[in-house]
Amino acid sequence: MKLLVVLAAVTALCAGSAIPVVPGDNSHYVEGESRYIWMPDGLDPAGPQWGLNAVALNRNDGQYVEAIHTNGGRYGIFDRSADADFYPNGGRRQPGCWTNVCSHGRAFEIFASTVRYNHLNGRACSNINQVSNPNQCTGATLRMGNAVVNKRGSGIFALTTRNSAPF
């Protein structure tokens, strides 16, 4: 049990689609301890029937919560759900994807790429409408995903990726 406490204190938790039921509902604390999961990452958190669900991923699910929205309004939610919400390529359809399943699954691929290369920067947007045109977003930058467990950021971030790894 002590090992789980240590891991929970220093580990990020990644979840995608309907999987945020686990972090959203059950992982606030490790059993018998009052420690949050440090940094859950929502990988295109589930949209249909989940967006307004009480157990959906939200910014209270960890000390710092990130979400990568890649198929908003379809299989994923488009609304903000984290401290830092990233919208690659507008957050709806991904380059090189011809189906919603592909765009939805792209969040996992992009996240894996950021862990390996730590190379994708989001630019802060004033409002959600700007994510469809990242050039309108002129705020501070924040690296999306990656393996840095002590980072912080807040807001809506837009970025453009390529259609294949390393994105």
N, C-alpha and C. Protein backbone atom coordinates (compact mmCIF):
# COMPACT_ATOMS: atom_id res chain seq x y z
N MET A 1 0.82 -1.19 0.00
CA MET A 1 0.00 0.00 0.00
C MET A 1 0.86 1.25 0.00
N LYS A 2 1.96 1.26 0.74
CA LYS A 2 2.83 2.44 0.76
C LYS A 2 3.39 2.73 -0.63
N LEU A 3 3.68 1.68 -1.42
CA LEU A 3 4.16 1.88 -2.77
C LEU A 3 3.12 2.63 -3.59
N LEU A 4 1.85 2.26 -3.44
CA LEU A 4 0.79 2.97 -4.16
C LEU A 4 0.70 4.43 -3.75
N VAL A 5 0.89 4.71 -2.49
CA VAL A 5 0.87 6.08 -2.01
C VAL A 5 1.99 6.89 -2.67
N VAL A 6 3.17 6.32 -2.72
CA VAL A 6 4.31 7.00 -3.35
C VAL A 6 4.03 7.20 -4.83
N LEU A 7 3.57 6.17 -5.52
CA LEU A 7 3.29 6.30 -6.94
C LEU A 7 2.21 7.35 -7.19
N ALA A 8 1.19 7.38 -6.38
CA ALA A 8 0.12 8.36 -6.56
C ALA A 8 0.63 9.78 -6.35
N ALA A 9 1.61 9.93 -5.50
CA ALA A 9 2.13 11.27 -5.22
C ALA A 9 3.00 11.80 -6.35
N VAL A 10 3.57 10.93 -7.16
CA VAL A 10 4.51 11.39 -8.17
C VAL A 10 4.13 11.00 -9.60
N THR A 11 3.03 10.34 -9.80
CA THR A 11 2.72 9.78 -11.11
C THR A 11 1.57 10.50 -11.78
N ALA A 12 1.68 10.63 -13.08
CA ALA A 12 0.58 11.13 -13.89
C ALA A 12 -0.32 9.96 -14.25
N LEU A 13 -1.59 10.23 -14.44
CA LEU A 13 -2.56 9.22 -14.82
C LEU A 13 -3.17 9.65 -16.13
N CYS A 14 -3.07 8.80 -17.13
CA CYS A 14 -3.63 9.12 -18.44
C CYS A 14 -4.90 8.32 -18.63
N ALA A 15 -5.92 8.97 -19.15
CA ALA A 15 -7.17 8.29 -19.42
C ALA A 15 -7.80 8.90 -20.66
N GLY A 16 -8.47 8.07 -21.42
CA GLY A 16 -9.10 8.57 -22.62
C GLY A 16 -10.51 8.06 -22.76
N SER A 17 -11.28 8.79 -23.52
CA SER A 17 -12.66 8.46 -23.84
C SER A 17 -13.47 8.21 -22.58
N ALA A 18 -14.13 7.06 -22.47
CA ALA A 18 -14.96 6.79 -21.31
C ALA A 18 -14.14 6.45 -20.08
N ILE A 19 -12.84 6.23 -20.24
CA ILE A 19 -11.99 5.87 -19.12
C ILE A 19 -11.94 6.94 -18.04
N PRO A 20 -12.18 8.25 -18.33
CA PRO A 20 -12.15 9.22 -17.26
C PRO A 20 -13.13 8.94 -16.11
N VAL A 21 -14.04 7.97 -16.29
CA VAL A 21 -14.87 7.57 -15.16
C VAL A 21 -13.98 7.17 -13.98
N VAL A 22 -12.86 6.50 -14.26
CA VAL A 22 -11.97 6.08 -13.20
C VAL A 22 -11.31 7.28 -12.52
N PRO A 23 -10.58 8.14 -13.26
CA PRO A 23 -9.99 9.27 -12.54
C PRO A 23 -11.03 10.23 -12.00
N GLY A 24 -12.11 10.43 -12.73
CA GLY A 24 -13.10 11.40 -12.30
C GLY A 24 -13.81 10.99 -11.03
N ASP A 25 -14.00 9.70 -10.83
CA ASP A 25 -14.80 9.26 -9.70
C ASP A 25 -13.97 8.63 -8.59
N ASN A 26 -12.95 7.89 -8.93
CA ASN A 26 -12.30 7.04 -7.94
C ASN A 26 -10.87 7.39 -7.60
N SER A 27 -10.23 8.26 -8.37
CA SER A 27 -8.81 8.42 -8.10
C SER A 27 -8.46 9.73 -7.43
N HIS A 28 -9.44 10.43 -6.88
CA HIS A 28 -9.10 11.66 -6.16
C HIS A 28 -8.08 11.35 -5.07
N TYR A 29 -8.27 10.26 -4.39
CA TYR A 29 -7.40 9.90 -3.28
C TYR A 29 -7.00 8.44 -3.38
N VAL A 30 -5.82 8.15 -2.88
CA VAL A 30 -5.42 6.78 -2.70
C VAL A 30 -6.05 6.32 -1.40
N GLU A 31 -6.54 5.11 -1.37
CA GLU A 31 -7.26 4.61 -0.20
C GLU A 31 -6.50 4.85 1.10
N GLY A 32 -7.16 5.47 2.05
CA GLY A 32 -6.57 5.71 3.36
C GLY A 32 -5.62 6.89 3.40
N GLU A 33 -5.45 7.57 2.30
CA GLU A 33 -4.52 8.70 2.23
C GLU A 33 -5.27 9.93 1.73
N SER A 34 -4.75 11.09 1.98
CA SER A 34 -5.38 12.31 1.52
C SER A 34 -4.50 12.98 0.47
N ARG A 35 -4.03 12.19 -0.48
CA ARG A 35 -3.17 12.72 -1.53
C ARG A 35 -3.87 12.57 -2.88
N TYR A 36 -3.84 13.62 -3.65
CA TYR A 36 -4.39 13.57 -4.99
C TYR A 36 -3.44 12.87 -5.96
N ILE A 37 -4.02 12.28 -7.02
CA ILE A 37 -3.21 11.94 -8.17
C ILE A 37 -2.65 13.26 -8.65
N TRP A 38 -1.37 13.34 -8.93
CA TRP A 38 -0.76 14.62 -9.25
C TRP A 38 -1.28 15.19 -10.55
N MET A 39 -1.17 14.46 -11.66
CA MET A 39 -1.44 15.06 -12.95
C MET A 39 -2.18 14.12 -13.88
N PRO A 40 -3.48 13.99 -13.75
CA PRO A 40 -4.22 13.18 -14.73
C PRO A 40 -4.28 13.91 -16.07
N ASP A 41 -4.14 13.17 -17.15
CA ASP A 41 -4.26 13.71 -18.50
C ASP A 41 -5.49 13.08 -19.15
N GLY A 42 -6.40 13.92 -19.60
CA GLY A 42 -7.58 13.44 -20.32
C GLY A 42 -7.27 13.41 -21.81
N LEU A 43 -7.28 12.24 -22.41
CA LEU A 43 -6.97 12.11 -23.82
C LEU A 43 -8.26 12.01 -24.61
N ASP A 44 -8.69 13.15 -25.13
CA ASP A 44 -9.99 13.34 -25.78
C ASP A 44 -11.10 12.74 -24.92
N PRO A 45 -11.31 13.31 -23.72
CA PRO A 45 -12.34 12.79 -22.82
C PRO A 45 -13.68 12.60 -23.53
N ALA A 46 -14.37 11.53 -23.20
CA ALA A 46 -15.59 11.10 -23.89
C ALA A 46 -16.65 12.19 -23.94
N GLY A 47 -17.28 12.29 -25.09
CA GLY A 47 -18.29 13.31 -25.31
C GLY A 47 -19.72 12.82 -25.13
N PRO A 48 -20.20 11.96 -26.01
CA PRO A 48 -21.61 11.58 -25.94
C PRO A 48 -21.98 11.01 -24.58
N GLN A 49 -22.92 11.63 -23.94
CA GLN A 49 -23.47 11.21 -22.64
C GLN A 49 -22.48 11.32 -21.49
N TRP A 50 -21.30 11.85 -21.71
CA TRP A 50 -20.33 11.96 -20.63
C TRP A 50 -19.97 13.39 -20.29
N GLY A 51 -20.10 14.31 -21.23
CA GLY A 51 -19.64 15.66 -21.04
C GLY A 51 -20.16 16.34 -19.79
N LEU A 52 -21.42 16.13 -19.46
CA LEU A 52 -22.00 16.76 -18.28
C LEU A 52 -22.16 15.80 -17.11
N ASN A 53 -21.63 14.60 -17.26
CA ASN A 53 -21.74 13.57 -16.23
C ASN A 53 -20.90 13.96 -15.01
N ALA A 54 -21.43 13.68 -13.83
CA ALA A 54 -20.75 14.05 -12.59
C ALA A 54 -19.41 13.36 -12.40
N VAL A 55 -19.19 12.23 -13.07
CA VAL A 55 -17.92 11.52 -12.92
C VAL A 55 -16.96 11.78 -14.08
N ALA A 56 -17.32 12.69 -14.98
CA ALA A 56 -16.42 13.03 -16.09
C ALA A 56 -15.18 13.74 -15.56
N LEU A 57 -14.12 13.70 -16.34
CA LEU A 57 -12.88 14.37 -15.97
C LEU A 57 -13.14 15.85 -15.73
N ASN A 58 -12.57 16.38 -14.65
CA ASN A 58 -12.65 17.81 -14.39
C ASN A 58 -11.40 18.27 -13.66
N ARG A 59 -11.25 19.57 -13.55
CA ARG A 59 -10.00 20.13 -12.99
C ARG A 59 -9.79 19.81 -11.52
N ASN A 60 -10.76 19.23 -10.84
CA ASN A 60 -10.60 18.85 -9.44
C ASN A 60 -10.10 17.42 -9.27
N ASP A 61 -9.80 16.74 -10.37
CA ASP A 61 -9.38 15.35 -10.31
C ASP A 61 -7.90 15.16 -10.00
N GLY A 62 -7.15 16.22 -9.81
CA GLY A 62 -5.74 16.13 -9.48
C GLY A 62 -5.20 17.49 -9.12
N GLN A 63 -3.93 17.52 -8.75
CA GLN A 63 -3.30 18.80 -8.45
C GLN A 63 -3.22 19.66 -9.69
N TYR A 64 -3.01 19.04 -10.84
CA TYR A 64 -2.94 19.73 -12.13
C TYR A 64 -3.51 18.77 -13.17
N VAL A 65 -4.49 19.21 -13.94
CA VAL A 65 -5.18 18.35 -14.89
C VAL A 65 -5.05 18.93 -16.30
N GLU A 66 -4.67 18.11 -17.24
CA GLU A 66 -4.62 18.51 -18.64
C GLU A 66 -5.59 17.67 -19.45
N ALA A 67 -6.11 18.26 -20.53
CA ALA A 67 -6.94 17.53 -21.48
C ALA A 67 -6.47 17.88 -22.89
N ILE A 68 -6.42 16.86 -23.74
CA ILE A 68 -6.10 17.03 -25.15
C ILE A 68 -7.37 16.68 -25.93
N HIS A 69 -7.98 17.68 -26.55
CA HIS A 69 -9.24 17.51 -27.27
C HIS A 69 -8.95 17.35 -28.77
N THR A 70 -9.27 16.18 -29.32
CA THR A 70 -8.98 15.92 -30.73
C THR A 70 -10.20 15.58 -31.56
N ASN A 71 -11.35 15.35 -30.94
CA ASN A 71 -12.57 15.02 -31.68
C ASN A 71 -13.78 15.59 -30.96
N GLY A 72 -13.66 16.86 -30.55
CA GLY A 72 -14.72 17.51 -29.78
C GLY A 72 -16.04 17.57 -30.53
N GLY A 73 -17.11 17.32 -29.80
CA GLY A 73 -18.44 17.35 -30.39
C GLY A 73 -18.86 16.04 -31.02
N ARG A 74 -17.95 15.11 -31.11
CA ARG A 74 -18.24 13.78 -31.67
C ARG A 74 -17.99 12.74 -30.59
N TYR A 75 -16.86 12.02 -30.67
CA TYR A 75 -16.54 11.02 -29.65
C TYR A 75 -15.96 11.66 -28.39
N GLY A 76 -15.41 12.83 -28.53
CA GLY A 76 -14.85 13.56 -27.39
C GLY A 76 -15.65 14.81 -27.09
N ILE A 77 -15.42 15.39 -25.91
CA ILE A 77 -16.10 16.64 -25.57
C ILE A 77 -15.28 17.81 -26.12
N PHE A 78 -15.95 18.91 -26.39
CA PHE A 78 -15.27 20.11 -26.85
C PHE A 78 -15.12 21.11 -25.71
N ASP A 79 -15.96 21.00 -24.70
CA ASP A 79 -15.93 21.93 -23.57
C ASP A 79 -14.67 21.75 -22.73
N ARG A 80 -14.30 22.80 -22.04
CA ARG A 80 -13.16 22.72 -21.12
C ARG A 80 -13.45 21.71 -20.02
N SER A 81 -12.42 20.98 -19.64
CA SER A 81 -12.59 19.99 -18.58
C SER A 81 -11.39 19.91 -17.66
N ALA A 82 -10.40 20.76 -17.85
CA ALA A 82 -9.14 20.64 -17.12
C ALA A 82 -8.60 22.02 -16.77
N ASP A 83 -7.49 22.02 -16.04
CA ASP A 83 -6.79 23.28 -15.81
C ASP A 83 -6.30 23.84 -17.14
N ALA A 84 -5.64 22.98 -17.91
CA ALA A 84 -5.13 23.37 -19.22
C ALA A 84 -5.77 22.46 -20.26
N ASP A 85 -6.54 23.05 -21.16
CA ASP A 85 -7.21 22.32 -22.23
C ASP A 85 -6.52 22.64 -23.55
N PHE A 86 -6.01 21.61 -24.22
CA PHE A 86 -5.31 21.77 -25.49
C PHE A 86 -6.21 21.31 -26.63
N TYR A 87 -6.23 22.08 -27.70
CA TYR A 87 -7.06 21.81 -28.87
C TYR A 87 -6.18 21.74 -30.12
N PRO A 88 -5.51 20.60 -30.35
CA PRO A 88 -4.70 20.48 -31.56
C PRO A 88 -5.59 20.60 -32.80
N ASN A 89 -5.16 21.41 -33.75
CA ASN A 89 -5.85 21.54 -35.04
C ASN A 89 -7.32 21.89 -34.89
N GLY A 90 -7.65 22.68 -33.90
CA GLY A 90 -9.03 23.09 -33.67
C GLY A 90 -9.82 22.16 -32.78
N GLY A 91 -9.25 21.01 -32.42
CA GLY A 91 -9.88 20.11 -31.46
C GLY A 91 -11.02 19.26 -31.99
N ARG A 92 -11.25 19.26 -33.30
CA ARG A 92 -12.37 18.49 -33.84
C ARG A 92 -11.92 17.40 -34.81
N ARG A 93 -11.30 17.76 -35.91
CA ARG A 93 -10.82 16.80 -36.91
C ARG A 93 -9.31 16.93 -37.01
N GLN A 94 -8.65 15.80 -37.07
CA GLN A 94 -7.20 15.80 -37.09
C GLN A 94 -6.67 15.53 -38.50
N PRO A 95 -5.58 16.22 -38.88
CA PRO A 95 -5.02 16.01 -40.21
C PRO A 95 -4.59 14.56 -40.41
N GLY A 96 -4.89 14.04 -41.59
CA GLY A 96 -4.57 12.65 -41.89
C GLY A 96 -5.64 11.68 -41.43
N CYS A 97 -6.68 12.17 -40.76
CA CYS A 97 -7.79 11.33 -40.29
C CYS A 97 -9.03 11.59 -41.14
N TRP A 98 -9.65 10.52 -41.57
CA TRP A 98 -10.86 10.65 -42.37
C TRP A 98 -12.10 10.21 -41.60
N THR A 99 -11.91 9.74 -40.38
CA THR A 99 -13.05 9.29 -39.56
C THR A 99 -12.94 9.89 -38.16
N ASN A 100 -14.08 9.92 -37.47
CA ASN A 100 -14.08 10.38 -36.08
C ASN A 100 -13.27 9.45 -35.19
N VAL A 101 -13.30 8.16 -35.48
CA VAL A 101 -12.53 7.20 -34.68
C VAL A 101 -11.05 7.54 -34.75
N CYS A 102 -10.57 7.87 -35.92
CA CYS A 102 -9.17 8.23 -36.08
C CYS A 102 -8.84 9.51 -35.31
N SER A 103 -9.67 10.55 -35.47
CA SER A 103 -9.42 11.81 -34.77
C SER A 103 -9.46 11.62 -33.27
N HIS A 104 -10.40 10.81 -32.80
CA HIS A 104 -10.53 10.54 -31.36
C HIS A 104 -9.28 9.82 -30.85
N GLY A 105 -8.82 8.82 -31.56
CA GLY A 105 -7.65 8.06 -31.15
C GLY A 105 -6.34 8.82 -31.29
N ARG A 106 -6.36 9.90 -32.06
CA ARG A 106 -5.14 10.67 -32.27
C ARG A 106 -4.62 11.28 -30.97
N ALA A 107 -5.51 11.53 -30.00
CA ALA A 107 -5.07 12.10 -28.72
C ALA A 107 -4.01 11.22 -28.06
N PHE A 108 -4.19 9.90 -28.13
CA PHE A 108 -3.23 8.98 -27.53
C PHE A 108 -1.88 9.06 -28.26
N GLU A 109 -1.94 9.13 -29.58
CA GLU A 109 -0.71 9.20 -30.37
C GLU A 109 0.04 10.51 -30.12
N ILE A 110 -0.70 11.61 -30.08
CA ILE A 110 -0.07 12.91 -29.83
C ILE A 110 0.55 12.94 -28.44
N PHE A 111 -0.19 12.44 -27.46
CA PHE A 111 0.35 12.44 -26.10
C PHE A 111 1.63 11.62 -26.02
N ALA A 112 1.62 10.42 -26.61
CA ALA A 112 2.82 9.58 -26.61
C ALA A 112 3.99 10.31 -27.26
N SER A 113 3.71 11.03 -28.32
CA SER A 113 4.75 11.79 -29.00
C SER A 113 5.32 12.90 -28.11
N THR A 114 4.45 13.55 -27.32
CA THR A 114 4.95 14.61 -26.43
C THR A 114 5.79 14.05 -25.29
N VAL A 115 5.47 12.85 -24.84
CA VAL A 115 6.28 12.23 -23.79
C VAL A 115 7.67 11.92 -24.34
N ARG A 116 7.70 11.45 -25.57
CA ARG A 116 9.00 11.08 -26.16
C ARG A 116 9.83 12.29 -26.58
N TYR A 117 9.17 13.30 -27.18
CA TYR A 117 9.93 14.41 -27.77
C TYR A 117 9.76 15.75 -27.05
N ASN A 118 8.73 15.91 -26.23
CA ASN A 118 8.49 17.16 -25.49
C ASN A 118 8.59 18.36 -26.43
N HIS A 119 7.82 18.34 -27.51
CA HIS A 119 8.02 19.29 -28.59
C HIS A 119 6.80 20.13 -28.99
N LEU A 120 5.63 19.85 -28.48
CA LEU A 120 4.44 20.56 -28.93
C LEU A 120 4.03 21.64 -27.93
N ASN A 121 4.00 22.87 -28.42
CA ASN A 121 3.62 24.03 -27.60
C ASN A 121 2.25 24.53 -27.99
N GLY A 122 1.38 24.69 -26.99
CA GLY A 122 0.12 25.34 -27.23
C GLY A 122 0.25 26.83 -26.95
N ARG A 123 -0.53 27.62 -27.65
CA ARG A 123 -0.55 29.07 -27.44
C ARG A 123 -1.89 29.41 -26.80
N ALA A 124 -1.86 30.18 -25.71
CA ALA A 124 -3.08 30.53 -24.98
C ALA A 124 -4.03 31.36 -25.84
N CYS A 125 -5.31 31.01 -25.76
CA CYS A 125 -6.36 31.71 -26.50
C CYS A 125 -7.24 32.48 -25.52
N SER A 126 -7.83 33.55 -25.98
CA SER A 126 -8.73 34.35 -25.14
C SER A 126 -10.06 33.66 -24.92
N ASN A 127 -10.51 32.87 -25.92
CA ASN A 127 -11.78 32.17 -25.80
C ASN A 127 -11.77 30.92 -26.67
N ILE A 128 -12.74 30.08 -26.46
CA ILE A 128 -12.81 28.78 -27.12
C ILE A 128 -12.97 28.91 -28.63
N ASN A 129 -13.57 30.00 -29.09
CA ASN A 129 -13.80 30.18 -30.52
C ASN A 129 -12.51 30.36 -31.30
N GLN A 130 -11.43 30.77 -30.65
CA GLN A 130 -10.16 30.99 -31.33
C GLN A 130 -9.41 29.72 -31.67
N VAL A 131 -9.76 28.59 -31.05
CA VAL A 131 -8.96 27.37 -31.27
C VAL A 131 -9.01 26.88 -32.71
N SER A 132 -10.06 27.24 -33.44
CA SER A 132 -10.14 26.80 -34.83
C SER A 132 -9.14 27.53 -35.72
N ASN A 133 -8.61 28.63 -35.25
CA ASN A 133 -7.57 29.37 -35.98
C ASN A 133 -6.47 29.74 -34.99
N PRO A 134 -5.50 28.85 -34.77
CA PRO A 134 -4.46 29.08 -33.76
C PRO A 134 -3.71 30.40 -33.92
N ASN A 135 -3.70 30.97 -35.11
CA ASN A 135 -3.01 32.25 -35.31
C ASN A 135 -3.68 33.38 -34.52
N GLN A 136 -4.93 33.21 -34.15
CA GLN A 136 -5.63 34.21 -33.35
C GLN A 136 -5.23 34.15 -31.88
N CYS A 137 -4.62 33.06 -31.48
CA CYS A 137 -4.22 32.88 -30.09
C CYS A 137 -2.83 33.48 -29.90
N THR A 138 -2.74 34.49 -29.07
CA THR A 138 -1.49 35.23 -28.94
C THR A 138 -0.94 35.25 -27.52
N GLY A 139 -1.51 34.43 -26.65
CA GLY A 139 -1.06 34.40 -25.26
C GLY A 139 0.22 33.60 -25.07
N ALA A 140 0.52 33.33 -23.82
CA ALA A 140 1.72 32.57 -23.45
C ALA A 140 1.66 31.15 -24.01
N THR A 141 2.82 30.53 -24.11
CA THR A 141 2.88 29.14 -24.59
C THR A 141 3.00 28.19 -23.39
N LEU A 142 2.54 26.97 -23.61
CA LEU A 142 2.66 25.90 -22.62
C LEU A 142 2.87 24.61 -23.38
N ARG A 143 3.86 23.84 -22.95
CA ARG A 143 4.10 22.54 -23.60
C ARG A 143 2.97 21.58 -23.25
N MET A 144 2.46 20.94 -24.28
CA MET A 144 1.35 20.01 -24.12
C MET A 144 1.89 18.64 -23.74
N GLY A 145 1.14 17.95 -22.86
CA GLY A 145 1.51 16.58 -22.50
C GLY A 145 2.85 16.51 -21.83
N ASN A 146 3.72 15.70 -22.32
CA ASN A 146 5.09 15.42 -21.89
C ASN A 146 5.13 14.69 -20.55
N ALA A 147 6.33 14.47 -20.05
CA ALA A 147 6.51 13.69 -18.83
C ALA A 147 6.90 14.57 -17.64
N VAL A 148 6.75 15.87 -17.77
CA VAL A 148 7.10 16.79 -16.68
C VAL A 148 5.94 16.80 -15.68
N VAL A 149 6.19 16.31 -14.47
CA VAL A 149 5.10 16.18 -13.51
C VAL A 149 4.92 17.39 -12.61
N ASN A 150 5.79 18.38 -12.71
CA ASN A 150 5.64 19.53 -11.82
C ASN A 150 5.27 20.80 -12.59
N LYS A 151 4.74 20.66 -13.79
CA LYS A 151 4.39 21.85 -14.55
C LYS A 151 3.03 22.37 -14.13
N ARG A 152 2.77 23.60 -14.47
CA ARG A 152 1.50 24.26 -14.18
C ARG A 152 1.09 25.09 -15.39
N GLY A 153 -0.17 25.31 -15.52
CA GLY A 153 -0.71 26.16 -16.56
C GLY A 153 -2.21 26.17 -16.44
N SER A 154 -2.82 27.16 -17.04
CA SER A 154 -4.26 27.26 -16.97
C SER A 154 -4.77 27.97 -18.21
N GLY A 155 -5.85 27.46 -18.77
CA GLY A 155 -6.46 28.13 -19.90
C GLY A 155 -6.75 27.23 -21.07
N ILE A 156 -7.03 27.89 -22.18
CA ILE A 156 -7.36 27.24 -23.44
C ILE A 156 -6.15 27.42 -24.35
N PHE A 157 -5.65 26.33 -24.93
CA PHE A 157 -4.44 26.39 -25.75
C PHE A 157 -4.69 25.74 -27.10
N ALA A 158 -4.25 26.41 -28.15
CA ALA A 158 -4.38 25.89 -29.50
C ALA A 158 -3.00 25.63 -30.09
N LEU A 159 -2.92 24.66 -30.98
CA LEU A 159 -1.69 24.37 -31.68
C LEU A 159 -2.00 23.61 -32.95
N THR A 160 -1.03 23.58 -33.84
CA THR A 160 -1.16 22.86 -35.10
C THR A 160 -0.16 21.71 -35.09
N THR A 161 -0.63 20.55 -35.53
CA THR A 161 0.26 19.39 -35.64
C THR A 161 0.31 18.91 -37.09
N ARG A 162 1.23 18.01 -37.35
CA ARG A 162 1.30 17.36 -38.66
C ARG A 162 0.36 16.15 -38.65
N ASN A 163 0.29 15.48 -39.79
CA ASN A 163 -0.65 14.37 -39.89
C ASN A 163 -0.06 13.02 -39.52
N SER A 164 1.22 13.00 -39.09
CA SER A 164 1.81 11.74 -38.65
C SER A 164 2.89 12.01 -37.61
N ALA A 165 3.27 10.96 -36.91
CA ALA A 165 4.28 11.09 -35.85
C ALA A 165 5.58 11.59 -36.43
N PRO A 166 6.30 12.41 -35.71
CA PRO A 166 6.09 12.83 -34.33
C PRO A 166 5.13 14.01 -34.15
N PHE A 167 4.33 14.30 -35.13
CA PHE A 167 3.30 15.35 -35.10
C PHE A 167 3.93 16.72 -34.97
